[in-house]
N, C-alpha and C. Protein backbone atom coordinates (compact mmCIF):
# COMPACT_ATOMS: atom_id res chain seq x y z
N MET A 1 147.91 69.84 135.69
CA MET A 1 149.29 70.02 135.33
C MET A 1 149.96 70.92 136.35
N SER A 2 151.15 70.55 136.67
CA SER A 2 151.89 71.40 137.59
C SER A 2 152.70 72.41 136.79
N HIS A 3 152.79 73.60 137.31
CA HIS A 3 153.51 74.67 136.61
C HIS A 3 154.89 74.81 137.24
N ILE A 4 155.91 74.84 136.39
CA ILE A 4 157.29 75.00 136.85
C ILE A 4 157.74 76.39 136.40
N ASN A 5 158.25 77.19 137.32
CA ASN A 5 158.73 78.53 137.00
C ASN A 5 160.00 78.42 136.17
N PRO A 6 160.01 78.94 134.91
CA PRO A 6 161.17 78.81 134.05
C PRO A 6 162.31 79.78 134.38
N ASP A 7 162.04 80.78 135.19
CA ASP A 7 163.06 81.78 135.49
C ASP A 7 164.06 81.21 136.51
N PRO A 8 165.34 81.57 136.37
CA PRO A 8 166.32 81.11 137.35
C PRO A 8 166.11 81.77 138.70
N GLU A 9 166.48 81.05 139.75
CA GLU A 9 166.37 81.61 141.10
C GLU A 9 167.61 82.47 141.39
N PRO A 10 167.43 83.77 141.64
CA PRO A 10 168.60 84.64 141.85
C PRO A 10 169.44 84.23 143.05
N GLU A 11 168.83 83.64 144.07
CA GLU A 11 169.60 83.27 145.26
C GLU A 11 170.56 82.12 144.97
N ARG A 12 170.20 81.25 144.03
CA ARG A 12 171.02 80.06 143.78
C ARG A 12 171.76 80.12 142.44
N THR A 13 171.68 81.22 141.71
CA THR A 13 172.32 81.32 140.40
C THR A 13 173.64 82.10 140.57
N PRO A 14 174.78 81.47 140.23
CA PRO A 14 176.07 82.17 140.35
C PRO A 14 176.20 83.24 139.29
N GLY A 15 176.91 84.31 139.59
CA GLY A 15 177.20 85.35 138.63
C GLY A 15 176.18 86.47 138.58
N LEU A 16 175.18 86.47 139.47
CA LEU A 16 174.19 87.55 139.47
C LEU A 16 174.48 88.51 140.61
N GLU A 17 174.30 89.78 140.32
CA GLU A 17 174.44 90.80 141.35
C GLU A 17 173.13 90.88 142.14
N PRO A 18 173.15 91.51 143.27
CA PRO A 18 171.90 91.70 144.02
C PRO A 18 170.88 92.45 143.16
N GLY A 19 169.69 92.00 143.14
CA GLY A 19 168.65 92.58 142.29
C GLY A 19 168.50 91.85 140.97
N GLY A 20 169.36 90.88 140.70
CA GLY A 20 169.21 90.07 139.49
C GLY A 20 170.01 90.54 138.31
N GLY A 21 170.83 91.58 138.46
CA GLY A 21 171.64 92.07 137.33
C GLY A 21 172.82 91.18 137.06
N VAL A 22 173.42 91.35 135.89
CA VAL A 22 174.58 90.55 135.49
C VAL A 22 175.77 91.50 135.39
N PRO A 23 176.88 91.20 136.06
CA PRO A 23 178.05 92.07 135.97
C PRO A 23 178.66 92.03 134.58
N PRO A 24 179.42 93.07 134.19
CA PRO A 24 180.06 93.09 132.87
C PRO A 24 180.97 91.88 132.68
N GLY A 25 180.93 91.28 131.49
CA GLY A 25 181.77 90.13 131.20
C GLY A 25 181.17 88.80 131.60
N GLU A 26 180.07 88.81 132.30
CA GLU A 26 179.44 87.56 132.76
C GLU A 26 178.31 87.20 131.79
N THR A 27 178.17 85.93 131.53
CA THR A 27 177.09 85.46 130.67
C THR A 27 175.83 85.28 131.48
N PRO A 28 174.72 85.85 131.04
CA PRO A 28 173.49 85.69 131.80
C PRO A 28 173.02 84.22 131.78
N PRO A 29 172.33 83.82 132.83
CA PRO A 29 171.84 82.43 132.87
C PRO A 29 170.77 82.21 131.80
N ALA A 30 170.76 81.00 131.27
CA ALA A 30 169.77 80.64 130.25
C ALA A 30 168.45 80.30 130.92
N GLU A 31 167.38 80.58 130.21
CA GLU A 31 166.07 80.20 130.74
C GLU A 31 165.84 78.73 130.44
N SER A 32 165.16 78.08 131.35
CA SER A 32 164.81 76.69 131.09
C SER A 32 163.61 76.65 130.15
N SER A 33 163.43 75.52 129.51
CA SER A 33 162.30 75.41 128.58
C SER A 33 161.00 75.26 129.35
N LEU A 34 159.93 75.67 128.72
CA LEU A 34 158.62 75.54 129.33
C LEU A 34 158.02 74.18 129.01
N PRO A 35 157.67 73.40 129.98
CA PRO A 35 157.12 72.08 129.68
C PRO A 35 155.74 72.17 129.02
N GLU A 36 155.00 73.25 129.24
CA GLU A 36 153.66 73.39 128.68
C GLU A 36 153.68 74.07 127.32
N ALA A 37 154.86 74.48 126.82
CA ALA A 37 154.94 75.20 125.56
C ALA A 37 154.80 74.23 124.38
N GLY A 38 154.33 74.75 123.26
CA GLY A 38 154.22 73.94 122.05
C GLY A 38 152.81 73.42 121.85
N PRO A 39 152.61 72.82 120.71
CA PRO A 39 151.27 72.31 120.40
C PRO A 39 150.93 71.08 121.24
N ARG A 40 149.67 70.93 121.52
CA ARG A 40 149.23 69.75 122.25
C ARG A 40 149.27 68.55 121.32
N GLU A 41 149.59 67.40 121.86
CA GLU A 41 149.62 66.17 121.07
C GLU A 41 148.21 65.64 120.98
N THR A 42 147.53 65.98 119.91
CA THR A 42 146.18 65.49 119.69
C THR A 42 146.12 64.79 118.35
N HIS A 43 145.24 63.84 118.25
CA HIS A 43 145.06 63.12 116.99
C HIS A 43 144.14 63.94 116.10
N ASN A 44 144.64 64.35 114.94
CA ASN A 44 143.87 65.18 114.03
C ASN A 44 143.85 64.53 112.65
N PRO A 45 142.98 63.54 112.45
CA PRO A 45 142.98 62.85 111.16
C PRO A 45 142.39 63.74 110.06
N PRO A 46 142.75 63.47 108.81
CA PRO A 46 142.16 64.25 107.71
C PRO A 46 140.66 63.96 107.62
N LYS A 47 139.92 64.95 107.18
CA LYS A 47 138.47 64.83 107.14
C LYS A 47 137.98 64.07 105.92
N GLY A 48 138.79 63.95 104.87
CA GLY A 48 138.42 63.20 103.70
C GLY A 48 137.59 63.98 102.70
N TRP A 49 137.45 65.27 102.84
CA TRP A 49 136.64 66.06 101.92
C TRP A 49 137.36 66.32 100.62
N ALA A 50 138.64 66.05 100.50
CA ALA A 50 139.40 66.36 99.30
C ALA A 50 139.04 65.46 98.13
N LYS A 51 138.48 64.30 98.35
CA LYS A 51 138.12 63.39 97.27
C LYS A 51 136.97 63.96 96.43
N GLY A 52 136.03 64.62 97.06
CA GLY A 52 134.90 65.20 96.34
C GLY A 52 135.31 66.29 95.38
N PRO A 53 136.02 67.32 95.83
CA PRO A 53 136.46 68.37 94.90
C PRO A 53 137.38 67.85 93.81
N LEU A 54 138.25 66.89 94.13
CA LEU A 54 139.14 66.33 93.13
C LEU A 54 138.34 65.60 92.04
N ALA A 55 137.34 64.83 92.44
CA ALA A 55 136.50 64.13 91.48
C ALA A 55 135.73 65.14 90.61
N LEU A 56 135.25 66.21 91.21
CA LEU A 56 134.54 67.24 90.46
C LEU A 56 135.43 67.91 89.43
N ILE A 57 136.66 68.19 89.79
CA ILE A 57 137.61 68.81 88.85
C ILE A 57 137.91 67.85 87.71
N ILE A 58 138.10 66.57 88.01
CA ILE A 58 138.39 65.58 86.96
C ILE A 58 137.21 65.47 86.00
N VAL A 59 136.00 65.41 86.53
CA VAL A 59 134.80 65.34 85.68
C VAL A 59 134.69 66.58 84.81
N LEU A 60 134.95 67.73 85.36
CA LEU A 60 134.89 68.98 84.60
C LEU A 60 135.92 68.99 83.48
N VAL A 61 137.13 68.54 83.76
CA VAL A 61 138.17 68.50 82.73
C VAL A 61 137.80 67.53 81.62
N VAL A 62 137.23 66.38 82.00
CA VAL A 62 136.82 65.40 80.97
C VAL A 62 135.69 65.97 80.12
N LEU A 63 134.73 66.65 80.71
CA LEU A 63 133.63 67.24 79.94
C LEU A 63 134.13 68.32 78.98
N ILE A 64 135.05 69.15 79.44
CA ILE A 64 135.60 70.20 78.57
C ILE A 64 136.38 69.58 77.42
N ALA A 65 137.20 68.55 77.73
CA ALA A 65 137.96 67.87 76.68
C ALA A 65 137.02 67.21 75.67
N ALA A 66 135.93 66.60 76.14
CA ALA A 66 134.96 65.98 75.25
C ALA A 66 134.28 67.04 74.37
N PHE A 67 133.98 68.20 74.94
CA PHE A 67 133.37 69.27 74.17
C PHE A 67 134.28 69.71 73.03
N PHE A 68 135.56 69.95 73.33
CA PHE A 68 136.48 70.40 72.29
C PHE A 68 136.74 69.31 71.26
N LEU A 69 136.76 68.06 71.69
CA LEU A 69 136.92 66.96 70.74
C LEU A 69 135.71 66.89 69.80
N ALA A 70 134.51 67.00 70.34
CA ALA A 70 133.31 66.99 69.51
C ALA A 70 133.27 68.20 68.58
N TYR A 71 133.68 69.34 69.06
CA TYR A 71 133.71 70.55 68.23
C TYR A 71 134.70 70.39 67.09
N ALA A 72 135.86 69.81 67.37
CA ALA A 72 136.85 69.57 66.32
C ALA A 72 136.32 68.59 65.29
N LEU A 73 135.63 67.55 65.74
CA LEU A 73 135.08 66.58 64.80
C LEU A 73 133.99 67.22 63.91
N VAL A 74 133.19 68.12 64.47
CA VAL A 74 132.15 68.81 63.69
C VAL A 74 132.80 69.70 62.63
N LEU A 75 133.89 70.35 62.96
CA LEU A 75 134.57 71.23 62.01
C LEU A 75 135.22 70.43 60.88
N ILE A 76 135.72 69.26 61.20
CA ILE A 76 136.41 68.44 60.20
C ILE A 76 135.39 67.81 59.25
N LEU A 77 134.28 67.32 59.79
CA LEU A 77 133.30 66.61 58.95
C LEU A 77 132.41 67.58 58.30
């Protein structure tokens, strides 16, 4: 990758004093964006591990519900 300097060149930027300062009333030059900035574009698919814990939680909820249903039936009969 080639690196591009994002800072403005003082020799070619209008409105700068010698040394790179900005005189009063003048708007400083904006920095250009960095082409290398930001996240890399990579393919990051989901791992699929969420199905296991979800199934475990569902089974646990069904077992608890069955326990309370059986307990209620024992109390009634």
